[in-house]
Amino acid sequence: MAFMQMKRVVAGVLRQFKVVPAVAEGVEPNFVSFLTSQ
């Protein structure tokens, strides 16, 4: 179910849009974890 949901979202979004991070070039986000990652 998770894969089907994610693939449908990817298809719906990328068919129409590009998702571009609004950060300076070279800035890497931090991977943090509580019960799940963020």
Full PDB file with SEQRES, HELIX, SHEET, SSBOND, CRYST1, ORIGX, SCALE, CONECT and MASTER records, all heavy atoms in Angstrom:
SEQRES   1 A   38  MET ALA PHE MET GLN MET LYS ARG VAL VAL ALA GLY VAL          
SEQRES   2 A   38  LEU ARG GLN PHE LYS VAL VAL PRO ALA VAL ALA GLU GLY          
SEQRES   3 A   38  VAL GLU PRO ASN PHE VAL SER PHE LEU THR SER GLN              
HELIX    1 AA1 ALA A    2  LEU A   14  1                                  13    
CRYST1    1.000    1.000    1.000  90.00  90.00  90.00 P 1           1          
ORIGX1      1.000000  0.000000  0.000000        0.00000                         
ORIGX2      0.000000  1.000000  0.000000        0.00000                         
ORIGX3      0.000000  0.000000  1.000000        0.00000                         
SCALE1      1.000000  0.000000  0.000000        0.00000                         
SCALE2      0.000000  1.000000  0.000000        0.00000                         
SCALE3      0.000000  0.000000  1.000000        0.00000                         
ATOM      1  N   MET A   1       0.829  -1.206   0.000  1.00  0.00           N  
ATOM      2  CA  MET A   1       0.000   0.000   0.000  1.00  0.00           C  
ATOM      3  C   MET A   1       0.864   1.257   0.000  1.00  0.00           C  
ATOM      4  O   MET A   1       0.563   2.243  -0.686  1.00  0.00           O  
ATOM      5  CB  MET A   1      -0.944   0.002   1.206  1.00  0.00           C  
ATOM      6  CG  MET A   1      -1.885   1.193   1.254  1.00  0.00           C  
ATOM      7  SD  MET A   1      -3.112   1.074   2.594  1.00  0.00           S  
ATOM      8  CE  MET A   1      -4.295  -0.061   1.850  1.00  0.00           C  
ATOM      9  N   ALA A   2       1.940   1.233   0.761  1.00  0.00           N  
ATOM     10  CA  ALA A   2       2.854   2.380   0.822  1.00  0.00           C  
ATOM     11  C   ALA A   2       3.478   2.645  -0.548  1.00  0.00           C  
ATOM     12  O   ALA A   2       3.534   3.791  -1.009  1.00  0.00           O  
ATOM     13  CB  ALA A   2       3.940   2.128   1.864  1.00  0.00           C  
ATOM     14  N   PHE A   3       3.945   1.583  -1.215  1.00  0.00           N  
ATOM     15  CA  PHE A   3       4.549   1.755  -2.536  1.00  0.00           C  
ATOM     16  C   PHE A   3       3.534   2.295  -3.545  1.00  0.00           C  
ATOM     17  O   PHE A   3       3.852   3.176  -4.357  1.00  0.00           O  
ATOM     18  CB  PHE A   3       5.139   0.437  -3.044  1.00  0.00           C  
ATOM     19  CG  PHE A   3       6.559   0.206  -2.619  1.00  0.00           C  
ATOM     20  CD1 PHE A   3       6.897  -0.850  -1.787  1.00  0.00           C  
ATOM     21  CD2 PHE A   3       7.567   1.046  -3.056  1.00  0.00           C  
ATOM     22  CE1 PHE A   3       8.208  -1.073  -1.390  1.00  0.00           C  
ATOM     23  CE2 PHE A   3       8.896   0.839  -2.679  1.00  0.00           C  
ATOM     24  CZ  PHE A   3       9.209  -0.215  -1.833  1.00  0.00           C  
ATOM     25  N   MET A   4       2.308   1.770  -3.498  1.00  0.00           N  
ATOM     26  CA  MET A   4       1.294   2.222  -4.451  1.00  0.00           C  
ATOM     27  C   MET A   4       0.972   3.694  -4.229  1.00  0.00           C  
ATOM     28  O   MET A   4       0.819   4.466  -5.186  1.00  0.00           O  
ATOM     29  CB  MET A   4       0.041   1.366  -4.319  1.00  0.00           C  
ATOM     30  CG  MET A   4       0.239  -0.096  -4.697  1.00  0.00           C  
ATOM     31  SD  MET A   4       0.799  -0.342  -6.393  1.00  0.00           S  
ATOM     32  CE  MET A   4      -0.692   0.078  -7.281  1.00  0.00           C  
ATOM     33  N   GLN A   5       0.845   4.099  -2.970  1.00  0.00           N  
ATOM     34  CA  GLN A   5       0.568   5.497  -2.665  1.00  0.00           C  
ATOM     35  C   GLN A   5       1.703   6.388  -3.142  1.00  0.00           C  
ATOM     36  O   GLN A   5       1.486   7.426  -3.790  1.00  0.00           O  
ATOM     37  CB  GLN A   5       0.352   5.683  -1.154  1.00  0.00           C  
ATOM     38  CG  GLN A   5       0.120   7.121  -0.768  1.00  0.00           C  
ATOM     39  CD  GLN A   5      -0.074   7.320   0.728  1.00  0.00           C  
ATOM     40  OE1 GLN A   5      -0.605   8.331   1.173  1.00  0.00           O  
ATOM     41  NE2 GLN A   5       0.352   6.362   1.539  1.00  0.00           N  
ATOM     42  N   MET A   6       2.945   5.997  -2.829  1.00  0.00           N  
ATOM     43  CA  MET A   6       4.091   6.829  -3.182  1.00  0.00           C  
ATOM     44  C   MET A   6       4.246   6.948  -4.698  1.00  0.00           C  
ATOM     45  O   MET A   6       4.498   8.040  -5.223  1.00  0.00           O  
ATOM     46  CB  MET A   6       5.363   6.266  -2.539  1.00  0.00           C  
ATOM     47  CG  MET A   6       5.399   6.422  -1.026  1.00  0.00           C  
ATOM     48  SD  MET A   6       6.991   5.998  -0.269  1.00  0.00           S  
ATOM     49  CE  MET A   6       7.047   4.227  -0.513  1.00  0.00           C  
ATOM     50  N   LYS A   7       4.078   5.847  -5.417  1.00  0.00           N  
ATOM     51  CA  LYS A   7       4.226   5.895  -6.872  1.00  0.00           C  
ATOM     52  C   LYS A   7       3.145   6.752  -7.512  1.00  0.00           C  
ATOM     53  O   LYS A   7       3.401   7.483  -8.481  1.00  0.00           O  
ATOM     54  CB  LYS A   7       4.226   4.472  -7.449  1.00  0.00           C  
ATOM     55  CG  LYS A   7       5.520   3.722  -7.174  1.00  0.00           C  
ATOM     56  CD  LYS A   7       5.640   2.432  -7.978  1.00  0.00           C  
ATOM     57  CE  LYS A   7       4.789   1.328  -7.422  1.00  0.00           C  
ATOM     58  NZ  LYS A   7       5.046   0.033  -8.108  1.00  0.00           N  
ATOM     59  N   ARG A   8       1.933   6.691  -6.967  1.00  0.00           N  
ATOM     60  CA  ARG A   8       0.852   7.524  -7.520  1.00  0.00           C  
ATOM     61  C   ARG A   8       1.130   9.001  -7.259  1.00  0.00           C  
ATOM     62  O   ARG A   8       0.866   9.856  -8.120  1.00  0.00           O  
ATOM     63  CB  ARG A   8      -0.492   7.109  -6.900  1.00  0.00           C  
ATOM     64  CG  ARG A   8      -1.680   7.850  -7.497  1.00  0.00           C  
ATOM     65  CD  ARG A   8      -1.857   7.514  -8.967  1.00  0.00           C  
ATOM     66  NE  ARG A   8      -2.843   8.378  -9.609  1.00  0.00           N  
ATOM     67  CZ  ARG A   8      -2.557   9.495 -10.269  1.00  0.00           C  
ATOM     68  NH1 ARG A   8      -1.297   9.905 -10.362  1.00  0.00           N  
ATOM     69  NH2 ARG A   8      -3.508  10.214 -10.828  1.00  0.00           N  
ATOM     70  N   VAL A   9       1.663   9.337  -6.089  1.00  0.00           N  
ATOM     71  CA  VAL A   9       2.018  10.723  -5.785  1.00  0.00           C  
ATOM     72  C   VAL A   9       3.129  11.198  -6.717  1.00  0.00           C  
ATOM     73  O   VAL A   9       3.063  12.298  -7.287  1.00  0.00           O  
ATOM     74  CB  VAL A   9       2.452  10.871  -4.315  1.00  0.00           C  
ATOM     75  CG1 VAL A   9       3.055  12.259  -4.062  1.00  0.00           C  
ATOM     76  CG2 VAL A   9       1.264  10.642  -3.386  1.00  0.00           C  
ATOM     77  N   VAL A  10       4.156  10.379  -6.875  1.00  0.00           N  
ATOM     78  CA  VAL A  10       5.278  10.739  -7.749  1.00  0.00           C  
ATOM     79  C   VAL A  10       4.777  10.988  -9.174  1.00  0.00           C  
ATOM     80  O   VAL A  10       5.162  11.978  -9.819  1.00  0.00           O  
ATOM     81  CB  VAL A  10       6.352   9.625  -7.736  1.00  0.00           C  
ATOM     82  CG1 VAL A  10       7.405   9.879  -8.810  1.00  0.00           C  
ATOM     83  CG2 VAL A  10       7.006   9.546  -6.355  1.00  0.00           C  
ATOM     84  N   ALA A  11       3.901  10.107  -9.667  1.00  0.00           N  
ATOM     85  CA  ALA A  11       3.363  10.272 -11.027  1.00  0.00           C  
ATOM     86  C   ALA A  11       2.560  11.558 -11.139  1.00  0.00           C  
ATOM     87  O   ALA A  11       2.705  12.313 -12.114  1.00  0.00           O  
ATOM     88  CB  ALA A  11       2.494   9.062 -11.394  1.00  0.00           C  
ATOM     89  N   GLY A  12       1.708  11.825 -10.146  1.00  0.00           N  
ATOM     90  CA  GLY A  12       0.863  13.006 -10.189  1.00  0.00           C  
ATOM     91  C   GLY A  12       1.642  14.304 -10.108  1.00  0.00           C  
ATOM     92  O   GLY A  12       1.326  15.282 -10.793  1.00  0.00           O  
ATOM     93  N   VAL A  13       2.684  14.319  -9.290  1.00  0.00           N  
ATOM     94  CA  VAL A  13       3.462  15.545  -9.080  1.00  0.00           C  
ATOM     95  C   VAL A  13       4.434  15.787 -10.237  1.00  0.00           C  
ATOM     96  O   VAL A  13       4.469  16.876 -10.828  1.00  0.00           O  
ATOM     97  CB  VAL A  13       4.228  15.490  -7.741  1.00  0.00           C  
ATOM     98  CG1 VAL A  13       5.190  16.671  -7.615  1.00  0.00           C  
ATOM     99  CG2 VAL A  13       3.239  15.485  -6.562  1.00  0.00           C  
ATOM    100  N   LEU A  14       5.232  14.772 -10.590  1.00  0.00           N  
ATOM    101  CA  LEU A  14       6.304  14.995 -11.565  1.00  0.00           C  
ATOM    102  C   LEU A  14       5.807  15.122 -12.999  1.00  0.00           C  
ATOM    103  O   LEU A  14       6.519  15.657 -13.858  1.00  0.00           O  
ATOM    104  CB  LEU A  14       7.337  13.880 -11.467  1.00  0.00           C  
ATOM    105  CG  LEU A  14       8.161  13.853 -10.177  1.00  0.00           C  
ATOM    106  CD1 LEU A  14       9.230  12.777 -10.260  1.00  0.00           C  
ATOM    107  CD2 LEU A  14       8.807  15.205  -9.894  1.00  0.00           C  
ATOM    108  N   ARG A  15       4.616  14.651 -13.290  1.00  0.00           N  
ATOM    109  CA  ARG A  15       4.064  14.857 -14.629  1.00  0.00           C  
ATOM    110  C   ARG A  15       3.898  16.346 -14.916  1.00  0.00           C  
ATOM    111  O   ARG A  15       4.102  16.810 -16.037  1.00  0.00           O  
ATOM    112  CB  ARG A  15       2.713  14.148 -14.768  1.00  0.00           C  
ATOM    113  CG  ARG A  15       2.055  14.350 -16.136  1.00  0.00           C  
ATOM    114  CD  ARG A  15       0.717  13.652 -16.195  1.00  0.00           C  
ATOM    115  NE  ARG A  15       0.875  12.217 -16.310  1.00  0.00           N  
ATOM    116  CZ  ARG A  15       1.030  11.566 -17.456  1.00  0.00           C  
ATOM    117  NH1 ARG A  15       1.092  12.239 -18.603  1.00  0.00           N  
ATOM    118  NH2 ARG A  15       1.143  10.252 -17.482  1.00  0.00           N  
ATOM    119  N   GLN A  16       3.550  17.125 -13.879  1.00  0.00           N  
ATOM    120  CA  GLN A  16       3.250  18.537 -14.069  1.00  0.00           C  
ATOM    121  C   GLN A  16       4.313  19.495 -13.511  1.00  0.00           C  
ATOM    122  O   GLN A  16       4.443  20.614 -13.983  1.00  0.00           O  
ATOM    123  CB  GLN A  16       1.916  18.882 -13.392  1.00  0.00           C  
ATOM    124  CG  GLN A  16       0.709  18.242 -14.027  1.00  0.00           C  
ATOM    125  CD  GLN A  16      -0.581  18.678 -13.344  1.00  0.00           C  
ATOM    126  OE1 GLN A  16      -1.359  17.861 -12.872  1.00  0.00           O  
ATOM    127  NE2 GLN A  16      -0.805  19.970 -13.274  1.00  0.00           N  
ATOM    128  N   PHE A  17       5.077  19.041 -12.487  1.00  0.00           N  
ATOM    129  CA  PHE A  17       5.910  19.994 -11.756  1.00  0.00           C  
ATOM    130  C   PHE A  17       7.340  19.501 -11.537  1.00  0.00           C  
ATOM    131  O   PHE A  17       7.603  18.294 -11.537  1.00  0.00           O  
ATOM    132  CB  PHE A  17       5.295  20.287 -10.374  1.00  0.00           C  
ATOM    133  CG  PHE A  17       3.868  20.743 -10.413  1.00  0.00           C  
ATOM    134  CD1 PHE A  17       2.847  19.885 -10.035  1.00  0.00           C  
ATOM    135  CD2 PHE A  17       3.541  22.033 -10.816  1.00  0.00           C  
ATOM    136  CE1 PHE A  17       1.519  20.293 -10.061  1.00  0.00           C  
ATOM    137  CE2 PHE A  17       2.216  22.455 -10.844  1.00  0.00           C  
ATOM    138  CZ  PHE A  17       1.211  21.586 -10.474  1.00  0.00           C  
ATOM    139  N   LYS A  18       8.223  20.461 -11.325  1.00  0.00           N  
ATOM    140  CA  LYS A  18       9.546  20.204 -10.769  1.00  0.00           C  
ATOM    141  C   LYS A  18       9.533  20.710  -9.335  1.00  0.00           C  
ATOM    142  O   LYS A  18       9.017  21.787  -9.054  1.00  0.00           O  
ATOM    143  CB  LYS A  18      10.633  20.935 -11.558  1.00  0.00           C  
ATOM    144  CG  LYS A  18      10.992  20.282 -12.876  1.00  0.00           C  
ATOM    145  CD  LYS A  18      12.145  21.005 -13.562  1.00  0.00           C  
ATOM    146  CE  LYS A  18      13.460  20.806 -12.814  1.00  0.00           C  
ATOM    147  NZ  LYS A  18      13.987  19.432 -12.941  1.00  0.00           N  
ATOM    148  N   VAL A  19      10.103  19.919  -8.429  1.00  0.00           N  
ATOM    149  CA  VAL A  19      10.196  20.298  -7.016  1.00  0.00           C  
ATOM    150  C   VAL A  19      11.636  20.734  -6.757  1.00  0.00           C  
ATOM    151  O   VAL A  19      12.561  19.915  -6.834  1.00  0.00           O  
ATOM    152  CB  VAL A  19       9.805  19.125  -6.094  1.00  0.00           C  
ATOM    153  CG1 VAL A  19       9.938  19.522  -4.624  1.00  0.00           C  
ATOM    154  CG2 VAL A  19       8.373  18.659  -6.391  1.00  0.00           C  
ATOM    155  N   VAL A  20      11.827  22.027  -6.465  1.00  0.00           N  
ATOM    156  CA  VAL A  20      13.166  22.597  -6.349  1.00  0.00           C  
ATOM    157  C   VAL A  20      13.421  23.079  -4.921  1.00  0.00           C  
ATOM    158  O   VAL A  20      12.697  23.954  -4.430  1.00  0.00           O  
ATOM    159  CB  VAL A  20      13.347  23.782  -7.322  1.00  0.00           C  
ATOM    160  CG1 VAL A  20      14.760  24.346  -7.215  1.00  0.00           C  
ATOM    161  CG2 VAL A  20      13.033  23.358  -8.745  1.00  0.00           C  
ATOM    162  N   PRO A  21      14.410  22.505  -4.226  1.00  0.00           N  
ATOM    163  CA  PRO A  21      14.692  22.947  -2.846  1.00  0.00           C  
ATOM    164  C   PRO A  21      15.001  24.439  -2.796  1.00  0.00           C  
ATOM    165  O   PRO A  21      15.750  24.964  -3.623  1.00  0.00           O  
ATOM    166  CB  PRO A  21      15.918  22.111  -2.457  1.00  0.00           C  
ATOM    167  CG  PRO A  21      15.854  20.909  -3.337  1.00  0.00           C  
ATOM    168  CD  PRO A  21      15.291  21.397  -4.641  1.00  0.00           C  
ATOM    169  N   ALA A  22      14.407  25.112  -1.812  1.00  0.00           N  
ATOM    170  CA  ALA A  22      14.605  26.561  -1.648  1.00  0.00           C  
ATOM    171  C   ALA A  22      15.721  26.822  -0.649  1.00  0.00           C  
ATOM    172  O   ALA A  22      15.536  27.467   0.382  1.00  0.00           O  
ATOM    173  CB  ALA A  22      13.309  27.216  -1.193  1.00  0.00           C  
ATOM    174  N   VAL A  23      16.903  26.277  -0.962  1.00  0.00           N  
ATOM    175  CA  VAL A  23      18.069  26.454  -0.089  1.00  0.00           C  
ATOM    176  C   VAL A  23      19.263  26.831  -0.947  1.00  0.00           C  
ATOM    177  O   VAL A  23      19.254  26.637  -2.174  1.00  0.00           O  
ATOM    178  CB  VAL A  23      18.399  25.169   0.713  1.00  0.00           C  
ATOM    179  CG1 VAL A  23      17.295  24.841   1.690  1.00  0.00           C  
ATOM    180  CG2 VAL A  23      18.653  23.989  -0.231  1.00  0.00           C  
ATOM    181  N   ALA A  24      20.275  27.358  -0.312  1.00  0.00           N  
ATOM    182  CA  ALA A  24      21.487  27.735  -1.034  1.00  0.00           C  
ATOM    183  C   ALA A  24      22.169  26.492  -1.602  1.00  0.00           C  
ATOM    184  O   ALA A  24      22.053  25.387  -1.039  1.00  0.00           O  
ATOM    185  CB  ALA A  24      22.434  28.493  -0.110  1.00  0.00           C  
ATOM    186  N   GLU A  25      22.853  26.675  -2.702  1.00  0.00           N  
ATOM    187  CA  GLU A  25      23.582  25.573  -3.342  1.00  0.00           C  
ATOM    188  C   GLU A  25      24.568  24.936  -2.360  1.00  0.00           C  
ATOM    189  O   GLU A  25      25.312  25.627  -1.675  1.00  0.00           O  
ATOM    190  CB  GLU A  25      24.344  26.113  -4.553  1.00  0.00           C  
ATOM    191  CG  GLU A  25      24.999  25.041  -5.409  1.00  0.00           C  
ATOM    192  CD  GLU A  25      24.009  24.211  -6.186  1.00  0.00           C  
ATOM    193  OE1 GLU A  25      22.915  24.733  -6.500  1.00  0.00           O  
ATOM    194  OE2 GLU A  25      24.310  23.044  -6.468  1.00  0.00           O  
ATOM    195  N   GLY A  26      24.521  23.609  -2.275  1.00  0.00           N  
ATOM    196  CA  GLY A  26      25.454  22.893  -1.412  1.00  0.00           C  
ATOM    197  C   GLY A  26      24.983  22.670   0.003  1.00  0.00           C  
ATOM    198  O   GLY A  26      25.626  21.949   0.770  1.00  0.00           O  
ATOM    199  N   VAL A  27      23.865  23.286   0.379  1.00  0.00           N  
ATOM    200  CA  VAL A  27      23.333  23.096   1.733  1.00  0.00           C  
ATOM    201  C   VAL A  27      22.630  21.741   1.815  1.00  0.00           C  
ATOM    202  O   VAL A  27      21.733  21.448   1.025  1.00  0.00           O  
ATOM    203  CB  VAL A  27      22.348  24.224   2.113  1.00  0.00           C  
ATOM    204  CG1 VAL A  27      21.680  23.913   3.453  1.00  0.00           C  
ATOM    205  CG2 VAL A  27      23.069  25.555   2.169  1.00  0.00           C  
ATOM    206  N   GLU A  28      23.058  20.911   2.755  1.00  0.00           N  
ATOM    207  CA  GLU A  28      22.495  19.572   2.913  1.00  0.00           C  
ATOM    208  C   GLU A  28      21.578  19.548   4.131  1.00  0.00           C  
ATOM    209  O   GLU A  28      21.965  20.016   5.208  1.00  0.00           O  
ATOM    210  CB  GLU A  28      23.613  18.542   3.084  1.00  0.00           C  
ATOM    211  CG  GLU A  28      24.591  18.505   1.927  1.00  0.00           C  
ATOM    212  CD  GLU A  28      24.348  17.328   1.003  1.00  0.00           C  
ATOM    213  OE1 GLU A  28      23.845  16.305   1.476  1.00  0.00           O  
ATOM    214  OE2 GLU A  28      24.651  17.464  -0.189  1.00  0.00           O  
ATOM    215  N   PRO A  29      20.389  18.997   4.009  1.00  0.00           N  
ATOM    216  CA  PRO A  29      19.490  18.922   5.159  1.00  0.00           C  
ATOM    217  C   PRO A  29      19.956  17.884   6.175  1.00  0.00           C  
ATOM    218  O   PRO A  29      20.683  16.951   5.832  1.00  0.00           O  
ATOM    219  CB  PRO A  29      18.154  18.518   4.534  1.00  0.00           C  
ATOM    220  CG  PRO A  29      18.535  17.773   3.299  1.00  0.00           C  
ATOM    221  CD  PRO A  29      19.795  18.424   2.792  1.00  0.00           C  
ATOM    222  N   ASN A  30      19.527  18.053   7.402  1.00  0.00           N  
ATOM    223  CA  ASN A  30      19.860  17.099   8.458  1.00  0.00           C  
ATOM    224  C   ASN A  30      18.795  16.017   8.562  1.00  0.00           C  
ATOM    225  O   ASN A  30      17.590  16.309   8.556  1.00  0.00           O  
ATOM    226  CB  ASN A  30      19.991  17.805   9.813  1.00  0.00           C  
ATOM    227  CG  ASN A  30      21.280  18.577   9.939  1.00  0.00           C  
ATOM    228  OD1 ASN A  30      22.316  18.173   9.407  1.00  0.00           O  
ATOM    229  ND2 ASN A  30      21.235  19.703  10.629  1.00  0.00           N  
ATOM    230  N   PHE A  31      19.252  14.790   8.671  1.00  0.00           N  
ATOM    231  CA  PHE A  31      18.374  13.634   8.875  1.00  0.00           C  
ATOM    232  C   PHE A  31      18.213  13.442  10.380  1.00  0.00           C  
ATOM    233  O   PHE A  31      19.195  13.195  11.081  1.00  0.00           O  
ATOM    234  CB  PHE A  31      19.023  12.403   8.244  1.00  0.00           C  
ATOM    235  CG  PHE A  31      18.229  11.124   8.374  1.00  0.00           C  
ATOM    236  CD1 PHE A  31      17.289  10.777   7.423  1.00  0.00           C  
ATOM    237  CD2 PHE A  31      18.449  10.255   9.441  1.00  0.00           C  
ATOM    238  CE1 PHE A  31      16.578   9.583   7.522  1.00  0.00           C  
ATOM    239  CE2 PHE A  31      17.744   9.066   9.553  1.00  0.00           C  
ATOM    240  CZ  PHE A  31      16.801   8.737   8.582  1.00  0.00           C  
ATOM    241  N   VAL A  32      17.002  13.606  10.886  1.00  0.00           N  
ATOM    242  CA  VAL A  32      16.762  13.423  12.318  1.00  0.00           C  
ATOM    243  C   VAL A  32      15.738  12.312  12.510  1.00  0.00           C  
ATOM    244  O   VAL A  32      14.906  12.054  11.635  1.00  0.00           O  
ATOM    245  CB  VAL A  32      16.275  14.720  13.008  1.00  0.00           C  
ATOM    246  CG1 VAL A  32      17.347  15.791  12.958  1.00  0.00           C  
ATOM    247  CG2 VAL A  32      14.984  15.237  12.377  1.00  0.00           C  
ATOM    248  N   SER A  33      15.797  11.675  13.646  1.00  0.00           N  
ATOM    249  CA  SER A  33      14.907  10.553  13.888  1.00  0.00           C  
ATOM    250  C   SER A  33      14.320  10.614  15.293  1.00  0.00           C  
ATOM    251  O   SER A  33      15.037  10.820  16.271  1.00  0.00           O  
ATOM    252  CB  SER A  33      15.658   9.228  13.727  1.00  0.00           C  
ATOM    253  OG  SER A  33      14.840   8.149  14.121  1.00  0.00           O  
ATOM    254  N   PHE A  34      13.013  10.444  15.334  1.00  0.00           N  
ATOM    255  CA  PHE A  34      12.339  10.220  16.614  1.00  0.00           C  
ATOM    256  C   PHE A  34      11.751   8.805  16.506  1.00  0.00           C  
ATOM    257  O   PHE A  34      12.517   7.853  16.403  1.00  0.00           O  
ATOM    258  CB  PHE A  34      11.320  11.324  16.852  1.00  0.00           C  
ATOM    259  CG  PHE A  34      11.994  12.683  16.948  1.00  0.00           C  
ATOM    260  CD1 PHE A  34      11.935  13.597  15.909  1.00  0.00           C  
ATOM    261  CD2 PHE A  34      12.752  12.999  18.065  1.00  0.00           C  
ATOM    262  CE1 PHE A  34      12.591  14.818  15.988  1.00  0.00           C  
ATOM    263  CE2 PHE A  34      13.424  14.212  18.159  1.00  0.00           C  
ATOM    264  CZ  PHE A  34      13.334  15.120  17.111  1.00  0.00           C  
ATOM    265  N   LEU A  35      10.458   8.605  16.471  1.00  0.00           N  
ATOM    266  CA  LEU A  35       9.965   7.259  16.179  1.00  0.00           C  
ATOM    267  C   LEU A  35      10.070   6.989  14.684  1.00  0.00           C  
ATOM    268  O   LEU A  35      10.194   5.857  14.240  1.00  0.00           O  
ATOM    269  CB  LEU A  35       8.521   7.095  16.659  1.00  0.00           C  
ATOM    270  CG  LEU A  35       8.324   7.241  18.177  1.00  0.00           C  
ATOM    271  CD1 LEU A  35       6.873   7.048  18.549  1.00  0.00           C  
ATOM    272  CD2 LEU A  35       9.212   6.267  18.949  1.00  0.00           C  
ATOM    273  N   THR A  36       9.996   8.048  13.885  1.00  0.00           N  
ATOM    274  CA  THR A  36      10.228   7.976  12.449  1.00  0.00           C  
ATOM    275  C   THR A  36      11.185   9.101  12.073  1.00  0.00           C  
ATOM    276  O   THR A  36      11.431  10.012  12.851  1.00  0.00           O  
ATOM    277  CB  THR A  36       8.919   8.125  11.651  1.00  0.00           C  
ATOM    278  OG1 THR A  36       8.279   9.345  12.049  1.00  0.00           O  
ATOM    279  CG2 THR A  36       7.977   6.951  11.916  1.00  0.00           C  
ATOM    280  N   SER A  37      11.716   9.036  10.861  1.00  0.00           N  
ATOM    281  CA  SER A  37      12.693  10.044  10.454  1.00  0.00           C  
ATOM    282  C   SER A  37      12.004  11.292   9.913  1.00  0.00           C  
ATOM    283  O   SER A  37      10.843  11.260   9.488  1.00  0.00           O  
ATOM    284  CB  SER A  37      13.635   9.466   9.393  1.00  0.00           C  
ATOM    285  OG  SER A  37      12.925   9.179   8.200  1.00  0.00           O  
ATOM    286  N   GLN A  38      12.738  12.380   9.910  1.00  0.00           N  
ATOM    287  CA  GLN A  38      12.259  13.651   9.385  1.00  0.00           C  
ATOM    288  C   GLN A  38      13.436  14.410   8.780  1.00  0.00           C  
ATOM    289  O   GLN A  38      14.595  14.100   9.045  1.00  0.00           O  
ATOM    290  CB  GLN A  38      11.646  14.518  10.486  1.00  0.00           C  
ATOM    291  CG  GLN A  38      10.381  13.989  11.119  1.00  0.00           C  
ATOM    292  CD  GLN A  38       9.857  14.910  12.201  1.00  0.00           C  
ATOM    293  OE1 GLN A  38      10.242  16.071  12.293  1.00  0.00           O  
ATOM    294  NE2 GLN A  38       8.966  14.395  13.024  1.00  0.00           N  
TER     295      GLN A  38                                                      
MASTER        0    0    0    1    0    0    0    6  294    1    0    3          
END                                                                             
